[in-house]
PDB file of N, CA and C in Angstrom:
ATOM      1  N   MET A   1      46.303  39.865  38.854  1.00  0.00           N
ATOM      2  CA  MET A   1      46.076  39.923  37.420  1.00  0.00           C
ATOM      3  C   MET A   1      44.639  39.499  37.141  1.00  0.00           C
ATOM      4  N   SER A   2      43.945  40.280  36.340  1.00  0.00           N
ATOM      5  CA  SER A   2      42.564  39.943  36.008  1.00  0.00           C
ATOM      6  C   SER A   2      42.520  38.947  34.847  1.00  0.00           C
ATOM      7  N   THR A   3      41.401  38.283  34.740  1.00  0.00           N
ATOM      8  CA  THR A   3      41.191  37.312  33.663  1.00  0.00           C
ATOM      9  C   THR A   3      41.178  38.032  32.327  1.00  0.00           C
ATOM     10  N   PRO A   4      41.906  37.515  31.341  1.00  0.00           N
ATOM     11  CA  PRO A   4      41.911  38.189  30.032  1.00  0.00           C
ATOM     12  C   PRO A   4      40.548  38.082  29.361  1.00  0.00           C
ATOM     13  N   PRO A   5      40.209  39.071  28.551  1.00  0.00           N
ATOM     14  CA  PRO A   5      38.946  39.011  27.808  1.00  0.00           C
ATOM     15  C   PRO A   5      39.035  37.963  26.701  1.00  0.00           C
ATOM     16  N   ARG A   6      37.884  37.493  26.271  1.00  0.00           N
ATOM     17  CA  ARG A   6      37.875  36.574  25.129  1.00  0.00           C
ATOM     18  C   ARG A   6      38.203  37.378  23.870  1.00  0.00           C
ATOM     19  N   THR A   7      38.941  36.740  22.970  1.00  0.00           N
ATOM     20  CA  THR A   7      39.315  37.376  21.703  1.00  0.00           C
ATOM     21  C   THR A   7      39.020  36.399  20.572  1.00  0.00           C
ATOM     22  N   LYS A   8      38.861  36.959  19.366  1.00  0.00           N
ATOM     23  CA  LYS A   8      38.660  36.100  18.201  1.00  0.00           C
ATOM     24  C   LYS A   8      39.054  36.838  16.928  1.00  0.00           C
ATOM     25  N   ASP A   9      39.302  36.053  15.905  1.00  0.00           N
ATOM     26  CA  ASP A   9      39.518  36.553  14.543  1.00  0.00           C
ATOM     27  C   ASP A   9      40.677  37.546  14.417  1.00  0.00           C
ATOM     28  N   PHE A  10      41.770  37.333  15.150  1.00  0.00           N
ATOM     29  CA  PHE A  10      42.927  38.217  14.987  1.00  0.00           C
ATOM     30  C   PHE A  10      43.686  37.839  13.722  1.00  0.00           C
ATOM     31  N   SER A  11      44.109  38.857  12.982  1.00  0.00           N
ATOM     32  CA  SER A  11      44.949  38.660  11.803  1.00  0.00           C
ATOM     33  C   SER A  11      45.905  39.839  11.678  1.00  0.00           C
ATOM     34  N   ALA A  12      46.994  39.603  10.967  1.00  0.00           N
ATOM     35  CA  ALA A  12      48.012  40.646  10.784  1.00  0.00           C
ATOM     36  C   ALA A  12      48.613  40.503   9.390  1.00  0.00           C
ATOM     37  N   TRP A  13      48.833  41.648   8.742  1.00  0.00           N
ATOM     38  CA  TRP A  13      49.442  41.636   7.417  1.00  0.00           C
ATOM     39  C   TRP A  13      50.163  42.953   7.180  1.00  0.00           C
ATOM     40  N   ILE A  14      51.138  42.875   6.280  1.00  0.00           N
ATOM     41  CA  ILE A  14      51.823  44.079   5.826  1.00  0.00           C
ATOM     42  C   ILE A  14      51.219  44.429   4.469  1.00  0.00           C
ATOM     43  N   ASN A  15      50.639  45.615   4.391  1.00  0.00           N
ATOM     44  CA  ASN A  15      49.997  46.089   3.166  1.00  0.00           C
ATOM     45  C   ASN A  15      51.073  46.727   2.288  1.00  0.00           C
ATOM     46  N   LEU A  16      51.389  46.055   1.193  1.00  0.00           N
ATOM     47  CA  LEU A  16      52.416  46.527   0.263  1.00  0.00           C
ATOM     48  C   LEU A  16      51.807  47.044  -1.039  1.00  0.00           C
ATOM     49  N   GLN A  17      50.505  47.235  -1.066  1.00  0.00           N
ATOM     50  CA  GLN A  17      49.834  47.676  -2.285  1.00  0.00           C
ATOM     51  C   GLN A  17      50.187  49.122  -2.613  1.00  0.00           C
ATOM     52  N   PRO A  18      50.334  49.409  -3.915  1.00  0.00           N
ATOM     53  CA  PRO A  18      50.585  50.788  -4.308  1.00  0.00           C
ATOM     54  C   PRO A  18      49.386  51.659  -3.981  1.00  0.00           C
ATOM     55  N   PRO A  19      49.519  52.899  -3.757  1.00  0.00           N
ATOM     56  CA  PRO A  19      50.718  53.684  -3.988  1.00  0.00           C
ATOM     57  C   PRO A  19      51.649  53.735  -2.779  1.00  0.00           C
ATOM     58  N   GLY A  20      51.327  53.073  -1.676  1.00  0.00           N
ATOM     59  CA  GLY A  20      52.189  53.114  -0.506  1.00  0.00           C
ATOM     60  C   GLY A  20      51.863  54.305   0.356  1.00  0.00           C
ATOM     61  N   PRO A  21      52.522  54.577   1.405  1.00  0.00           N
ATOM     62  CA  PRO A  21      53.602  53.744   1.942  1.00  0.00           C
ATOM     63  C   PRO A  21      53.051  52.449   2.539  1.00  0.00           C
ATOM     64  N   SER A  22      53.914  51.455   2.688  1.00  0.00           N
ATOM     65  CA  SER A  22      53.489  50.174   3.235  1.00  0.00           C
ATOM     66  C   SER A  22      53.306  50.290   4.748  1.00  0.00           C
ATOM     67  N   ASN A  23      52.382  49.459   5.273  1.00  0.00           N
ATOM     68  CA  ASN A  23      52.157  49.489   6.710  1.00  0.00           C
ATOM     69  C   ASN A  23      51.685  48.128   7.212  1.00  0.00           C
ATOM     70  N   LEU A  24      51.915  47.895   8.506  1.00  0.00           N
ATOM     71  CA  LEU A  24      51.447  46.697   9.185  1.00  0.00           C
ATOM     72  C   LEU A  24      50.054  46.985   9.727  1.00  0.00           C
ATOM     73  N   VAL A  25      49.136  46.040   9.518  1.00  0.00           N
ATOM     74  CA  VAL A  25      47.767  46.171  10.005  1.00  0.00           C
ATOM     75  C   VAL A  25      47.462  44.945  10.870  1.00  0.00           C
ATOM     76  N   VAL A  26      46.935  45.184  12.071  1.00  0.00           N
ATOM     77  CA  VAL A  26      46.517  44.107  12.972  1.00  0.00           C
ATOM     78  C   VAL A  26      45.058  44.368  13.328  1.00  0.00           C
ATOM     79  N   THR A  27      44.202  43.358  13.136  1.00  0.00           N
ATOM     80  CA  THR A  27      42.789  43.503  13.480  1.00  0.00           C
ATOM     81  C   THR A  27      42.329  42.287  14.279  1.00  0.00           C
ATOM     82  N   GLY A  28      41.257  42.476  15.029  1.00  0.00           N
ATOM     83  CA  GLY A  28      40.672  41.379  15.779  1.00  0.00           C
ATOM     84  C   GLY A  28      39.428  41.850  16.488  1.00  0.00           C
ATOM     85  N   GLU A  29      38.860  40.955  17.290  1.00  0.00           N
ATOM     86  CA  GLU A  29      37.688  41.292  18.077  1.00  0.00           C
ATOM     87  C   GLU A  29      37.930  40.897  19.527  1.00  0.00           C
ATOM     88  N   VAL A  30      37.448  41.755  20.437  1.00  0.00           N
ATOM     89  CA  VAL A  30      37.668  41.573  21.869  1.00  0.00           C
ATOM     90  C   VAL A  30      36.332  41.715  22.581  1.00  0.00           C
ATOM     91  N   GLU A  31      36.045  40.784  23.478  1.00  0.00           N
ATOM     92  CA  GLU A  31      34.813  40.873  24.257  1.00  0.00           C
ATOM     93  C   GLU A  31      34.990  41.890  25.373  1.00  0.00           C
ATOM     94  N   THR A  32      34.066  42.835  25.453  1.00  0.00           N
ATOM     95  CA  THR A  32      34.118  43.877  26.478  1.00  0.00           C
ATOM     96  C   THR A  32      32.887  43.769  27.376  1.00  0.00           C
ATOM     97  N   PRO A  33      32.990  44.221  28.621  1.00  0.00           N
ATOM     98  CA  PRO A  33      31.870  44.093  29.550  1.00  0.00           C
ATOM     99  C   PRO A  33      30.741  45.095  29.327  1.00  0.00           C
ATOM    100  N   SER A  34      30.946  46.064  28.452  1.00  0.00           N
ATOM    101  CA  SER A  34      29.934  47.097  28.224  1.00  0.00           C
ATOM    102  C   SER A  34      30.151  47.701  26.849  1.00  0.00           C
ATOM    103  N   SER A  35      29.090  48.214  26.266  1.00  0.00           N
ATOM    104  CA  SER A  35      29.234  48.861  24.961  1.00  0.00           C
ATOM    105  C   SER A  35      30.000  50.182  25.065  1.00  0.00           C
ATOM    106  N   ALA A  36      30.189  50.695  26.281  1.00  0.00           N
ATOM    107  CA  ALA A  36      30.963  51.926  26.474  1.00  0.00           C
ATOM    108  C   ALA A  36      32.460  51.642  26.609  1.00  0.00           C
ATOM    109  N   ASP A  37      32.833  50.363  26.688  1.00  0.00           N
ATOM    110  CA  ASP A  37      34.240  49.988  26.810  1.00  0.00           C
ATOM    111  C   ASP A  37      34.800  49.658  25.429  1.00  0.00           C
ATOM    112  N   ILE A  38      35.984  50.157  25.152  1.00  0.00           N
ATOM    113  CA  ILE A  38      36.586  49.914  23.845  1.00  0.00           C
ATOM    114  C   ILE A  38      37.962  49.260  24.011  1.00  0.00           C
ATOM    115  N   PRO A  39      38.273  48.252  23.181  1.00  0.00           N
ATOM    116  CA  PRO A  39      39.591  47.637  23.226  1.00  0.00           C
ATOM    117  C   PRO A  39      40.615  48.516  22.508  1.00  0.00           C
ATOM    118  N   VAL A  40      41.834  48.529  23.041  1.00  0.00           N
ATOM    119  CA  VAL A  40      42.906  49.345  22.472  1.00  0.00           C
ATOM    120  C   VAL A  40      44.179  48.492  22.417  1.00  0.00           C
ATOM    121  N   LEU A  41      44.908  48.573  21.303  1.00  0.00           N
ATOM    122  CA  LEU A  41      46.212  47.919  21.154  1.00  0.00           C
ATOM    123  C   LEU A  41      47.295  48.985  21.125  1.00  0.00           C
ATOM    124  N   THR A  42      48.324  48.808  21.970  1.00  0.00           N
ATOM    125  CA  THR A  42      49.440  49.754  22.025  1.00  0.00           C
ATOM    126  C   THR A  42      50.755  48.996  21.913  1.00  0.00           C
ATOM    127  N   GLU A  43      51.658  49.547  21.146  1.00  0.00           N
ATOM    128  CA  GLU A  43      52.954  48.905  20.936  1.00  0.00           C
ATOM    129  C   GLU A  43      53.786  48.912  22.213  1.00  0.00           C
ATOM    130  N   THR A  44      54.465  47.789  22.452  1.00  0.00           N
ATOM    131  CA  THR A  44      55.383  47.668  23.573  1.00  0.00           C
ATOM    132  C   THR A  44      56.623  46.928  23.071  1.00  0.00           C
ATOM    133  N   GLU A  45      57.662  46.898  23.873  1.00  0.00           N
ATOM    134  CA  GLU A  45      58.894  46.231  23.445  1.00  0.00           C
ATOM    135  C   GLU A  45      59.385  45.292  24.520  1.00  0.00           C
ATOM    136  N   ASP A  46      59.867  44.139  24.083  1.00  0.00           N
ATOM    137  CA  ASP A  46      60.529  43.184  24.958  1.00  0.00           C
ATOM    138  C   ASP A  46      61.855  42.831  24.293  1.00  0.00           C
ATOM    139  N   PRO A  47      62.977  43.227  24.905  1.00  0.00           N
ATOM    140  CA  PRO A  47      64.272  42.981  24.263  1.00  0.00           C
ATOM    141  C   PRO A  47      64.594  41.499  24.079  1.00  0.00           C
ATOM    142  N   ARG A  48      63.839  40.624  24.724  1.00  0.00           N
ATOM    143  CA  ARG A  48      64.083  39.180  24.572  1.00  0.00           C
ATOM    144  C   ARG A  48      63.527  38.648  23.250  1.00  0.00           C
ATOM    145  N   ASN A  49      62.608  39.391  22.625  1.00  0.00           N
ATOM    146  CA  ASN A  49      62.019  38.953  21.353  1.00  0.00           C
ATOM    147  C   ASN A  49      62.874  39.423  20.184  1.00  0.00           C
ATOM    148  N   PRO A  50      62.852  38.650  19.092  1.00  0.00           N
ATOM    149  CA  PRO A  50      63.579  39.108  17.895  1.00  0.00           C
ATOM    150  C   PRO A  50      62.914  40.358  17.317  1.00  0.00           C
ATOM    151  N   PRO A  51      63.673  41.159  16.558  1.00  0.00           N
ATOM    152  CA  PRO A  51      63.107  42.383  15.965  1.00  0.00           C
ATOM    153  C   PRO A  51      61.925  42.113  15.030  1.00  0.00           C
ATOM    154  N   SER A  52      61.801  40.890  14.517  1.00  0.00           N
ATOM    155  CA  SER A  52      60.710  40.569  13.601  1.00  0.00           C
ATOM    156  C   SER A  52      59.398  40.250  14.334  1.00  0.00           C
ATOM    157  N   THR A  53      59.421  40.271  15.665  1.00  0.00           N
ATOM    158  CA  THR A  53      58.217  40.035  16.465  1.00  0.00           C
ATOM    159  C   THR A  53      57.769  41.347  17.088  1.00  0.00           C
ATOM    160  N   LEU A  54      56.512  41.710  16.841  1.00  0.00           N
ATOM    161  CA  LEU A  54      55.939  42.924  17.411  1.00  0.00           C
ATOM    162  C   LEU A  54      55.028  42.544  18.559  1.00  0.00           C
ATOM    163  N   GLU A  55      55.178  43.214  19.703  1.00  0.00           N
ATOM    164  CA  GLU A  55      54.299  42.998  20.846  1.00  0.00           C
ATOM    165  C   GLU A  55      53.317  44.150  20.957  1.00  0.00           C
ATOM    166  N   LEU A  56      52.043  43.797  21.181  1.00  0.00           N
ATOM    167  CA  LEU A  56      51.005  44.796  21.376  1.00  0.00           C
ATOM    168  C   LEU A  56      50.279  44.503  22.683  1.00  0.00           C
ATOM    169  N   ASP A  57      50.182  45.524  23.544  1.00  0.00           N
ATOM    170  CA  ASP A  57      49.420  45.411  24.786  1.00  0.00           C
ATOM    171  C   ASP A  57      47.953  45.659  24.487  1.00  0.00           C
ATOM    172  N   LEU A  58      47.096  44.765  24.962  1.00  0.00           N
ATOM    173  CA  LEU A  58      45.654  44.926  24.837  1.00  0.00           C
ATOM    174  C   LEU A  58      45.113  45.471  26.156  1.00  0.00           C
ATOM    175  N   THR A  59      44.394  46.567  26.082  1.00  0.00           N
ATOM    176  CA  THR A  59      43.711  47.121  27.246  1.00  0.00           C
ATOM    177  C   THR A  59      42.272  47.414  26.846  1.00  0.00           C
ATOM    178  N   ILE A  60      41.431  47.566  27.853  1.00  0.00           N
ATOM    179  CA  ILE A  60      40.044  47.958  27.605  1.00  0.00           C
ATOM    180  C   ILE A  60      39.814  49.252  28.360  1.00  0.00           C
ATOM    181  N   ARG A  61      39.422  50.272  27.627  1.00  0.00           N
ATOM    182  CA  ARG A  61      39.214  51.600  28.211  1.00  0.00           C
ATOM    183  C   ARG A  61      37.745  51.994  28.103  1.00  0.00           C
ATOM    184  N   ASN A  62      37.277  52.697  29.109  1.00  0.00           N
ATOM    185  CA  ASN A  62      35.913  53.204  29.078  1.00  0.00           C
ATOM    186  C   ASN A  62      35.895  54.479  28.261  1.00  0.00           C
ATOM    187  N   SER A  63      34.941  54.593  27.357  1.00  0.00           N
ATOM    188  CA  SER A  63      34.859  55.760  26.480  1.00  0.00           C
ATOM    189  C   SER A  63      34.269  56.971  27.182  1.00  0.00           C
ATOM    190  N   GLY A  64      33.797  56.775  28.406  1.00  0.00           N
ATOM    191  CA  GLY A  64      33.205  57.882  29.141  1.00  0.00           C
ATOM    192  C   GLY A  64      31.714  57.985  28.944  1.00  0.00           C
ATOM    193  N   GLY A  65      31.195  57.181  28.050  1.00  0.00           N
ATOM    194  CA  GLY A  65      29.763  57.219  27.779  1.00  0.00           C
ATOM    195  C   GLY A  65      29.012  56.215  28.633  1.00  0.00           C
ATOM    196  N   ILE A  66      27.718  56.210  28.467  1.00  0.00           N
ATOM    197  CA  ILE A  66      26.879  55.243  29.158  1.00  0.00           C
ATOM    198  C   ILE A  66      26.595  54.125  28.171  1.00  0.00           C
ATOM    199  N   GLY A  67      26.937  52.924  28.558  1.00  0.00           N
ATOM    200  CA  GLY A  67      26.734  51.805  27.657  1.00  0.00           C
ATOM    201  C   GLY A  67      25.872  50.732  28.278  1.00  0.00           C
ATOM    202  N   THR A  68      25.461  49.801  27.462  1.00  0.00           N
ATOM    203  CA  THR A  68      24.695  48.676  27.969  1.00  0.00           C
ATOM    204  C   THR A  68      25.643  47.704  28.663  1.00  0.00           C
ATOM    205  N   PRO A  69      25.192  47.046  29.727  1.00  0.00           N
ATOM    206  CA  PRO A  69      26.080  46.160  30.473  1.00  0.00           C
ATOM    207  C   PRO A  69      26.259  44.786  29.840  1.00  0.00           C
ATOM    208  N   ALA A  70      25.752  44.571  28.647  1.00  0.00           N
ATOM    209  CA  ALA A  70      25.878  43.269  27.994  1.00  0.00           C
ATOM    210  C   ALA A  70      27.292  43.063  27.459  1.00  0.00           C
ATOM    211  N   PHE A  71      27.800  41.839  27.603  1.00  0.00           N
ATOM    212  CA  PHE A  71      29.098  41.509  27.019  1.00  0.00           C
ATOM    213  C   PHE A  71      28.928  41.425  25.508  1.00  0.00           C
ATOM    214  N   GLU A  72      29.857  42.028  24.787  1.00  0.00           N
ATOM    215  CA  GLU A  72      29.798  41.981  23.329  1.00  0.00           C
ATOM    216  C   GLU A  72      31.203  42.099  22.762  1.00  0.00           C
ATOM    217  N   PHE A  73      31.385  41.553  21.561  1.00  0.00           N
ATOM    218  CA  PHE A  73      32.675  41.662  20.881  1.00  0.00           C
ATOM    219  C   PHE A  73      32.742  42.987  20.141  1.00  0.00           C
ATOM    220  N   GLN A  74      33.884  43.654  20.280  1.00  0.00           N
ATOM    221  CA  GLN A  74      34.109  44.914  19.580  1.00  0.00           C
ATOM    222  C   GLN A  74      35.412  44.801  18.786  1.00  0.00           C
ATOM    223  N   SER A  75      35.441  45.458  17.643  1.00  0.00           N
ATOM    224  CA  SER A  75      36.618  45.431  16.777  1.00  0.00           C
ATOM    225  C   SER A  75      37.743  46.271  17.360  1.00  0.00           C
ATOM    226  N   VAL A  76      38.967  45.804  17.102  1.00  0.00           N
ATOM    227  CA  VAL A  76      40.151  46.564  17.480  1.00  0.00           C
ATOM    228  C   VAL A  76      41.101  46.539  16.280  1.00  0.00           C
ATOM    229  N   ARG A  77      41.840  47.630  16.097  1.00  0.00           N
ATOM    230  CA  ARG A  77      42.747  47.747  14.941  1.00  0.00           C
ATOM    231  C   ARG A  77      43.990  48.518  15.361  1.00  0.00           C
ATOM    232  N   PHE A  78      45.125  48.089  14.831  1.00  0.00           N
ATOM    233  CA  PHE A  78      46.398  48.768  15.073  1.00  0.00           C
ATOM    234  C   PHE A  78      47.111  48.855  13.734  1.00  0.00           C
ATOM    235  N   GLU A  79      47.734  50.008  13.466  1.00  0.00           N
ATOM    236  CA  GLU A  79      48.513  50.184  12.236  1.00  0.00           C
ATOM    237  C   GLU A  79      49.812  50.913  12.542  1.00  0.00           C
ATOM    238  N   LYS A  80      50.848  50.561  11.797  1.00  0.00           N
ATOM    239  CA  LYS A  80      52.122  51.280  11.884  1.00  0.00           C
ATOM    240  C   LYS A  80      52.896  51.060  10.592  1.00  0.00           C
ATOM    241  N   PRO A  81      53.766  52.010  10.227  1.00  0.00           N
ATOM    242  CA  PRO A  81      54.590  51.832   9.034  1.00  0.00           C
ATOM    243  C   PRO A  81      55.451  50.569   9.161  1.00  0.00           C
ATOM    244  N   ALA A  82      55.581  49.843   8.056  1.00  0.00           N
ATOM    245  CA  ALA A  82      56.406  48.632   8.039  1.00  0.00           C
ATOM    246  C   ALA A  82      56.788  48.319   6.601  1.00  0.00           C
ATOM    247  N   SER A  83      57.949  47.752   6.439  1.00  0.00           N
ATOM    248  CA  SER A  83      58.397  47.351   5.102  1.00  0.00           C
ATOM    249  C   SER A  83      58.197  45.848   4.925  1.00  0.00           C
ATOM    250  N   ALA A  84      58.360  45.377   3.697  1.00  0.00           N
ATOM    251  CA  ALA A  84      58.184  43.961   3.384  1.00  0.00           C
ATOM    252  C   ALA A  84      59.084  43.109   4.282  1.00  0.00           C
ATOM    253  N   SER A  85      58.529  42.046   4.820  1.00  0.00           N
ATOM    254  CA  SER A  85      59.246  41.073   5.660  1.00  0.00           C
ATOM    255  C   SER A  85      59.788  41.648   6.964  1.00  0.00           C
ATOM    256  N   GLU A  86      59.380  42.863   7.336  1.00  0.00           N
ATOM    257  CA  GLU A  86      59.893  43.454   8.587  1.00  0.00           C
ATOM    258  C   GLU A  86      59.402  42.687   9.810  1.00  0.00           C
ATOM    259  N   TYR A  87      58.149  42.221   9.762  1.00  0.00           N
ATOM    260  CA  TYR A  87      57.580  41.464  10.879  1.00  0.00           C
ATOM    261  C   TYR A  87      57.076  40.114  10.386  1.00  0.00           C
ATOM    262  N   ASP A  88      57.263  39.078  11.205  1.00  0.00           N
ATOM    263  CA  ASP A  88      56.702  37.771  10.861  1.00  0.00           C
ATOM    264  C   ASP A  88      55.719  37.270  11.920  1.00  0.00           C
ATOM    265  N   ARG A  89      55.666  37.951  13.080  1.00  0.00           N
ATOM    266  CA  ARG A  89      54.763  37.537  14.152  1.00  0.00           C
ATOM    267  C   ARG A  89      54.340  38.741  14.988  1.00  0.00           C
ATOM    268  N   VAL A  90      53.083  38.705  15.438  1.00  0.00           N
ATOM    269  CA  VAL A  90      52.575  39.714  16.365  1.00  0.00           C
ATOM    270  C   VAL A  90      52.061  38.980  17.600  1.00  0.00           C
ATOM    271  N   LEU A  91      52.503  39.428  18.767  1.00  0.00           N
ATOM    272  CA  LEU A  91      52.032  38.876  20.030  1.00  0.00           C
ATOM    273  C   LEU A  91      51.079  39.879  20.669  1.00  0.00           C
ATOM    274  N   ILE A  92      49.891  39.415  21.053  1.00  0.00           N
ATOM    275  CA  ILE A  92      48.913  40.243  21.748  1.00  0.00           C
ATOM    276  C   ILE A  92      48.997  39.876  23.229  1.00  0.00           C
ATOM    277  N   LEU A  93      49.257  40.881  24.083  1.00  0.00           N
ATOM    278  CA  LEU A  93      49.419  40.628  25.519  1.00  0.00           C
ATOM    279  C   LEU A  93      48.311  41.277  26.335  1.00  0.00           C
ATOM    280  N   TRP A  94      47.923  40.590  27.384  1.00  0.00           N
ATOM    281  CA  TRP A  94      46.994  41.128  28.383  1.00  0.00           C
ATOM    282  C   TRP A  94      47.732  41.093  29.713  1.00  0.00           C
ATOM    283  N   GLN A  95      48.048  42.253  30.255  1.00  0.00           N
ATOM    284  CA  GLN A  95      48.759  42.386  31.522  1.00  0.00           C
ATOM    285  C   GLN A  95      50.028  41.530  31.562  1.00  0.00           C
ATOM    286  N   GLY A  96      50.767  41.566  30.447  1.00  0.00           N
ATOM    287  CA  GLY A  96      52.062  40.898  30.367  1.00  0.00           C
ATOM    288  C   GLY A  96      52.031  39.449  29.919  1.00  0.00           C
ATOM    289  N   SER A  97      50.855  38.842  29.784  1.00  0.00           N
ATOM    290  CA  SER A  97      50.745  37.454  29.340  1.00  0.00           C
ATOM    291  C   SER A  97      50.213  37.403  27.906  1.00  0.00           C
ATOM    292  N   ILE A  98      50.769  36.504  27.118  1.00  0.00           N
ATOM    293  CA  ILE A  98      50.356  36.364  25.721  1.00  0.00           C
ATOM    294  C   ILE A  98      48.968  35.738  25.650  1.00  0.00           C
ATOM    295  N   VAL A  99      48.047  36.410  24.963  1.00  0.00           N
ATOM    296  CA  VAL A  99      46.700  35.867  24.750  1.00  0.00           C
ATOM    297  C   VAL A  99      46.480  35.477  23.287  1.00  0.00           C
ATOM    298  N   ASN A 100      47.327  35.963  22.386  1.00  0.00           N
ATOM    299  CA  ASN A 100      47.254  35.615  20.968  1.00  0.00           C
ATOM    300  C   ASN A 100      48.635  35.739  20.343  1.00  0.00           C
ATOM    301  N   SER A 101      48.924  34.828  19.433  1.00  0.00           N
ATOM    302  CA  SER A 101      50.130  34.897  18.613  1.00  0.00           C
ATOM    303  C   SER A 101      49.667  34.775  17.171  1.00  0.00           C
ATOM    304  N   VAL A 102      49.997  35.778  16.359  1.00  0.00           N
ATOM    305  CA  VAL A 102      49.473  35.857  15.002  1.00  0.00           C
ATOM    306  C   VAL A 102      50.624  35.943  14.011  1.00  0.00           C
ATOM    307  N   ASP A 103      50.596  35.063  13.002  1.00  0.00           N
ATOM    308  CA  ASP A 103      51.569  35.154  11.917  1.00  0.00           C
ATOM    309  C   ASP A 103      51.214  36.331  11.027  1.00  0.00           C
ATOM    310  N   VAL A 104      52.245  37.010  10.518  1.00  0.00           N
ATOM    311  CA  VAL A 104      52.055  38.185   9.658  1.00  0.00           C
ATOM    312  C   VAL A 104      52.161  37.755   8.195  1.00  0.00           C
ATOM    313  N   GLY A 105      51.140  38.085   7.425  1.00  0.00           N
ATOM    314  CA  GLY A 105      51.170  37.848   5.983  1.00  0.00           C
ATOM    315  C   GLY A 105      51.519  39.131   5.249  1.00  0.00           C
ATOM    316  N   GLU A 106      51.518  39.060   3.933  1.00  0.00           N
ATOM    317  CA  GLU A 106      51.757  40.249   3.116  1.00  0.00           C
ATOM    318  C   GLU A 106      50.691  40.327   2.039  1.00  0.00           C
ATOM    319  N   VAL A 107      50.218  41.553   1.777  1.00  0.00           N
ATOM    320  CA  VAL A 107      49.245  41.797   0.727  1.00  0.00           C
ATOM    321  C   VAL A 107      49.924  42.652  -0.338  1.00  0.00           C
ATOM    322  N   HIS A 108      49.946  42.153  -1.568  1.00  0.00           N
ATOM    323  CA  HIS A 108      50.612  42.872  -2.675  1.00  0.00           C
ATOM    324  C   HIS A 108      49.599  43.462  -3.612  1.00  0.00           C
TER     325      HIS A 108
END
């Protein structure tokens, strides 16, 4: 297992503002080894977690371009349809280990 990347400023909320439809939004920043590498969040499931907890796998993918080799933080975002109170926690995982646990708020 490789060392997880540094992360910061993760937040999660359910956007309930009109006109809808409502959706869950998760944002944060992930340190990548190159400007050509981009962080990606993908939904996964663990039957041991309650339905109100969403798990997202964090991976870093190369965009195929030529980037600078400097480490830098890049934004990552995930969205999916969700209703009010559907989720109360989001877990961010790196290779199966939790690197962030974020409480879900609601925006009205």
